Amino acid sequence: MEIIKSRYSSYIGLIKWSLIRHRYYIPIFIVVQILLSLAMMYGFSFITNAVDEASKSYLCTGAVTINIIAVSCVLAPQIISEAKQNGVFDYQKTLPISRIGIIISDLFIWGIISLPGIAMSVIIGSINFGVYLNFDIVGIMSLIFVITSLILFGFSVAYLLPSNIVALITQLIMIGGLLFSPIIYSADRLPHWMEYIYNYLPFVPVSNIIRYSLFSLNDFNLFSYIVVFVWALIAFVISMYTLTRRK
């Protein structure tokens, strides 16, 4: 019982410390997400000519996915990479806490940070495009699942790669998610071989899960859940290995 209490206290302490460390970043991240939602929903409606119901639904659900990607695979890796440069990462590894505790506390912080962008996308989508949220237990669990999986993916990129490579990879992820992957438009606009590749990366399966679980616009696709889970598992193993590795 004492061990459980000690671990619980250490997790809470890590979360508080992370909140204090990110207290200047968090408001900026929230504003960026809101602006990204507005740009996605209104700007891309002109680019993609979203006048029919199918295009509007892709735009709305895609905005939710892009916001999650922006936080988990762009902002989080860049901030962790900065922490590696500043010595915060090495300091965390010297603390008498479990390595999984470091991951859990950061998962909680970045999971909370991702919510405003999701909420804004849902609000704009329901008001302007008539795409409404279907928020039940499946939707809640699926949302937690995809947020956790993509944050773990972002962590693994930041932990494993040098800082200059992290910046490059995160920008490639964002450009690929916004312009080339079938997240804000249907997959039939892409060559078949490209569609096949995207189905084995985590981002399009995440968008499929969101369309099914939160908006009831897709049929259940077990393959999407499996792909996202496999990527999350690989990312978790990489993160744990990096955190426990000695120089």
Protein backbone atom coordinates (compact mmCIF):
# COMPACT_ATOMS: atom_id res chain seq x y z
CA MET A 1 0.00 0.00 0.00
CA GLU A 2 2.83 2.37 0.87
CA ILE A 3 4.52 1.63 -2.44
CA ILE A 4 1.32 2.51 -4.32
CA LYS A 5 0.98 5.76 -2.37
CA SER A 6 4.62 6.62 -3.04
CA ARG A 7 4.25 6.03 -6.77
CA TYR A 8 1.01 8.01 -6.86
CA SER A 9 2.70 10.93 -5.08
CA SER A 10 5.64 10.81 -7.47
CA TYR A 11 3.30 10.88 -10.49
CA ILE A 12 1.37 13.85 -9.06
CA GLY A 13 4.65 15.60 -8.30
CA LEU A 14 5.88 15.06 -11.85
CA ILE A 15 2.63 16.39 -13.30
CA LYS A 16 2.79 19.50 -11.11
CA TRP A 17 6.42 20.05 -12.04
CA SER A 18 5.61 19.67 -15.75
CA LEU A 19 2.71 22.11 -15.44
CA ILE A 20 4.98 24.67 -13.80
CA ARG A 21 7.70 24.09 -16.40
CA HIS A 22 5.22 24.53 -19.26
CA ARG A 23 3.15 27.32 -17.69
CA TYR A 24 4.24 29.83 -20.36
CA TYR A 25 3.86 27.38 -23.23
CA ILE A 26 0.38 26.04 -22.48
CA PRO A 27 -1.62 29.26 -23.19
CA ILE A 28 0.32 29.70 -26.45
CA PHE A 29 -0.38 26.09 -27.46
CA ILE A 30 -4.09 26.57 -26.81
CA VAL A 31 -4.20 29.74 -28.95
CA VAL A 32 -2.27 27.98 -31.74
CA GLN A 33 -4.75 25.10 -31.71
CA ILE A 34 -7.73 27.45 -31.90
CA LEU A 35 -6.17 29.33 -34.82
CA LEU A 36 -5.29 26.05 -36.53
CA SER A 37 -8.90 24.88 -36.18
CA LEU A 38 -10.19 28.10 -37.69
CA ALA A 39 -7.68 27.93 -40.55
CA MET A 40 -8.46 24.28 -41.24
CA MET A 41 -12.22 24.64 -41.20
CA TYR A 42 -12.49 27.87 -43.16
CA GLY A 43 -9.29 28.08 -45.22
CA PHE A 44 -9.31 24.50 -46.46
CA SER A 45 -13.03 24.70 -47.24
CA PHE A 46 -12.03 26.94 -50.16
CA ILE A 47 -8.97 24.92 -51.19
CA THR A 48 -10.79 21.59 -51.18
CA ASN A 49 -14.05 23.07 -52.50
CA ALA A 50 -16.00 21.55 -49.61
CA VAL A 51 -19.55 22.13 -50.78
CA ASP A 52 -21.03 18.62 -50.54
CA GLU A 53 -21.73 16.74 -47.32
CA ALA A 54 -18.90 14.21 -47.80
CA SER A 55 -16.27 16.93 -48.25
CA LYS A 56 -17.56 18.82 -45.23
CA SER A 57 -17.44 15.71 -43.07
CA TYR A 58 -13.84 15.01 -44.09
CA LEU A 59 -12.89 18.60 -43.35
CA CYS A 60 -14.49 18.55 -39.90
CA THR A 61 -13.13 15.18 -38.81
CA GLY A 62 -9.79 15.93 -40.45
CA ALA A 63 -9.45 19.11 -38.40
CA VAL A 64 -9.80 17.06 -35.21
CA THR A 65 -7.12 14.64 -36.42
CA ILE A 66 -4.74 17.40 -37.54
CA ASN A 67 -5.06 19.13 -34.16
CA ILE A 68 -4.12 15.90 -32.38
CA ILE A 69 -1.18 15.41 -34.75
CA ALA A 70 -0.06 19.02 -34.24
CA VAL A 71 0.12 18.61 -30.47
CA SER A 72 1.33 15.02 -30.20
CA CYS A 73 3.72 14.74 -33.16
CA VAL A 74 4.91 18.33 -33.61
CA LEU A 75 4.69 20.41 -30.44
CA ALA A 76 5.40 17.65 -27.90
CA PRO A 77 8.53 16.29 -29.66
CA GLN A 78 9.92 19.80 -30.16
CA ILE A 79 9.45 20.71 -26.49
CA ILE A 80 10.97 17.41 -25.34
CA SER A 81 13.86 17.94 -27.77
CA GLU A 82 14.40 21.35 -26.21
CA ALA A 83 14.38 19.71 -22.77
CA LYS A 84 17.11 17.35 -23.96
CA GLN A 85 19.22 20.30 -25.04
CA ASN A 86 18.67 22.16 -21.76
CA GLY A 87 19.56 19.16 -19.60
CA VAL A 88 16.03 18.68 -18.22
CA PHE A 89 15.82 15.24 -19.82
CA ASP A 90 19.03 14.06 -18.15
CA TYR A 91 17.89 15.56 -14.85
CA GLN A 92 14.63 13.60 -14.99
CA LYS A 93 16.57 10.38 -15.48
CA THR A 94 18.49 11.02 -12.25
CA LEU A 95 15.33 11.35 -10.15
CA PRO A 96 14.27 8.40 -7.95
CA ILE A 97 11.16 7.75 -10.04
CA SER A 98 10.17 5.02 -12.46
CA ARG A 99 10.80 5.69 -16.13
CA ILE A 100 7.22 4.79 -16.95
CA GLY A 101 6.19 7.50 -14.48
CA ILE A 102 7.97 10.10 -16.61
CA ILE A 103 6.05 8.89 -19.67
CA ILE A 104 2.70 8.78 -17.86
CA SER A 105 3.06 12.30 -16.45
CA ASP A 106 3.98 13.73 -19.86
CA LEU A 107 1.14 11.77 -21.47
CA PHE A 108 -1.30 13.38 -19.07
CA ILE A 109 0.01 16.91 -19.69
CA TRP A 110 0.03 16.65 -23.49
CA GLY A 111 -3.29 14.84 -23.52
CA ILE A 112 -4.91 17.73 -21.68
CA ILE A 113 -3.20 20.26 -23.96
CA SER A 114 -4.69 18.57 -27.05
CA LEU A 115 -8.31 18.94 -25.87
CA PRO A 116 -8.95 22.64 -26.68
CA GLY A 117 -8.15 22.13 -30.36
CA ILE A 118 -10.43 19.10 -30.54
CA ALA A 119 -13.23 21.01 -28.83
CA MET A 120 -12.86 24.01 -31.16
CA SER A 121 -12.92 21.80 -34.27
CA VAL A 122 -16.07 20.05 -33.04
CA ILE A 123 -17.81 23.36 -32.24
CA ILE A 124 -16.98 24.92 -35.61
CA GLY A 125 -17.93 21.74 -37.46
CA SER A 126 -21.31 21.49 -35.78
CA ILE A 127 -22.15 25.18 -36.28
CA ASN A 128 -20.96 25.66 -39.86
CA PHE A 129 -21.01 22.21 -41.43
CA GLY A 130 -23.71 20.36 -39.56
CA VAL A 131 -21.33 17.56 -38.50
CA TYR A 132 -22.23 16.59 -34.95
CA LEU A 133 -20.30 14.73 -32.29
CA ASN A 134 -21.48 11.30 -31.19
CA PHE A 135 -19.84 11.15 -27.77
CA ASP A 136 -20.43 7.80 -26.07
CA ILE A 137 -18.19 5.34 -24.23
CA VAL A 138 -16.75 4.04 -27.53
CA GLY A 139 -15.97 7.60 -28.58
CA ILE A 140 -14.33 8.45 -25.24
CA MET A 141 -12.17 5.32 -25.16
CA SER A 142 -11.22 5.68 -28.83
CA LEU A 143 -10.26 9.33 -28.34
CA ILE A 144 -8.05 8.44 -25.36
CA PHE A 145 -6.56 5.60 -27.40
CA VAL A 146 -5.60 7.73 -30.42
CA ILE A 147 -4.32 10.65 -28.33
CA THR A 148 -2.18 8.32 -26.21
CA SER A 149 -0.87 6.46 -29.26
CA LEU A 150 0.15 9.57 -31.19
CA ILE A 151 1.72 11.21 -28.14
CA LEU A 152 3.80 8.07 -27.59
CA PHE A 153 4.79 8.24 -31.25
CA GLY A 154 5.88 11.85 -30.80
CA PHE A 155 7.82 10.96 -27.63
CA SER A 156 9.73 8.21 -29.43
CA VAL A 157 10.76 10.63 -32.18
CA ALA A 158 12.00 13.17 -29.62
CA TYR A 159 13.77 10.64 -27.39
CA LEU A 160 15.49 8.72 -30.18
CA LEU A 161 16.61 11.38 -32.66
CA PRO A 162 18.95 14.40 -32.43
CA SER A 163 17.29 17.79 -32.02
CA ASN A 164 17.94 19.03 -35.56
CA ILE A 165 16.47 15.83 -37.02
CA VAL A 166 13.44 16.08 -34.70
CA ALA A 167 12.60 19.52 -36.13
CA LEU A 168 12.79 18.15 -39.67
CA ILE A 169 10.72 15.03 -38.96
CA THR A 170 7.97 16.93 -37.14
CA GLN A 171 7.64 19.39 -40.03
CA LEU A 172 7.45 16.53 -42.51
CA ILE A 173 4.72 14.92 -40.42
CA MET A 174 2.71 18.13 -40.36
CA ILE A 175 3.12 18.82 -44.08
CA GLY A 176 2.25 15.22 -44.92
CA GLY A 177 -0.79 15.32 -42.68
CA LEU A 178 -2.08 18.61 -44.08
CA LEU A 179 -1.35 18.26 -47.77
CA PHE A 180 -0.79 14.71 -48.89
CA SER A 181 -2.50 12.24 -46.59
CA PRO A 182 -6.22 11.48 -47.05
CA ILE A 183 -7.27 13.01 -43.74
CA ILE A 184 -9.10 16.14 -44.89
CA TYR A 185 -10.24 14.54 -48.16
CA SER A 186 -11.22 11.06 -49.31
CA ALA A 187 -8.56 8.48 -50.19
CA ASP A 188 -9.86 7.99 -53.73
CA ARG A 189 -8.11 11.24 -54.74
CA LEU A 190 -4.71 9.57 -54.26
CA PRO A 191 -2.90 6.94 -56.33
CA HIS A 192 -3.61 3.45 -55.04
CA TRP A 193 0.00 2.80 -54.01
CA MET A 194 0.11 5.99 -51.92
CA GLU A 195 -3.19 5.14 -50.25
CA TYR A 196 -1.76 1.70 -49.39
CA ILE A 197 1.31 3.25 -47.71
CA TYR A 198 -0.78 5.70 -45.68
CA ASN A 199 -2.93 2.87 -44.36
CA TYR A 200 0.14 1.43 -42.63
CA LEU A 201 1.22 4.72 -41.06
CA PRO A 202 -0.62 5.78 -37.88
CA PHE A 203 -2.18 9.04 -39.07
CA VAL A 204 -4.82 7.93 -41.58
CA PRO A 205 -5.96 5.01 -39.36
CA VAL A 206 -6.37 7.57 -36.56
CA SER A 207 -8.59 9.68 -38.80
CA ASN A 208 -10.61 6.55 -39.65
CA ILE A 209 -11.08 5.81 -35.94
CA ILE A 210 -12.21 9.37 -35.26
CA ARG A 211 -14.68 9.33 -38.14
CA TYR A 212 -16.15 6.07 -36.84
CA SER A 213 -16.11 6.55 -33.07
CA LEU A 214 -16.80 10.27 -32.68
CA PHE A 215 -18.93 11.08 -35.73
CA SER A 216 -20.38 7.73 -36.90
CA LEU A 217 -19.29 8.50 -40.48
CA ASN A 218 -17.30 5.30 -41.07
CA ASP A 219 -17.92 1.64 -40.40
CA PHE A 220 -15.90 -0.08 -37.68
CA ASN A 221 -12.45 -0.98 -39.01
CA LEU A 222 -10.43 -3.29 -36.75
CA PHE A 223 -7.38 -2.91 -39.00
CA SER A 224 -7.12 0.81 -38.14
CA TYR A 225 -7.09 0.05 -34.42
CA ILE A 226 -4.45 -2.65 -34.89
CA VAL A 227 -2.17 -0.36 -36.92
CA VAL A 228 -2.39 2.44 -34.35
CA PHE A 229 -1.83 0.00 -31.48
CA VAL A 230 1.27 -1.50 -33.13
CA TRP A 231 2.78 1.94 -33.69
CA ALA A 232 1.98 2.90 -30.08
CA LEU A 233 3.60 -0.28 -28.77
CA ILE A 234 6.76 0.28 -30.84
CA ALA A 235 6.91 3.92 -29.72
CA PHE A 236 6.49 2.93 -26.07
CA VAL A 237 9.31 0.37 -26.30
CA ILE A 238 11.60 2.95 -27.95
CA SER A 239 10.75 5.55 -25.29
CA MET A 240 11.38 3.15 -22.42
CA TYR A 241 14.64 1.96 -23.97
CA THR A 242 15.86 5.54 -24.41
CA LEU A 243 14.88 6.53 -20.88
CA THR A 244 16.60 3.53 -19.29
CA ARG A 245 19.69 3.57 -21.49
CA ARG A 246 22.89 4.74 -19.89
CA LYS A 247 25.37 6.90 -21.72
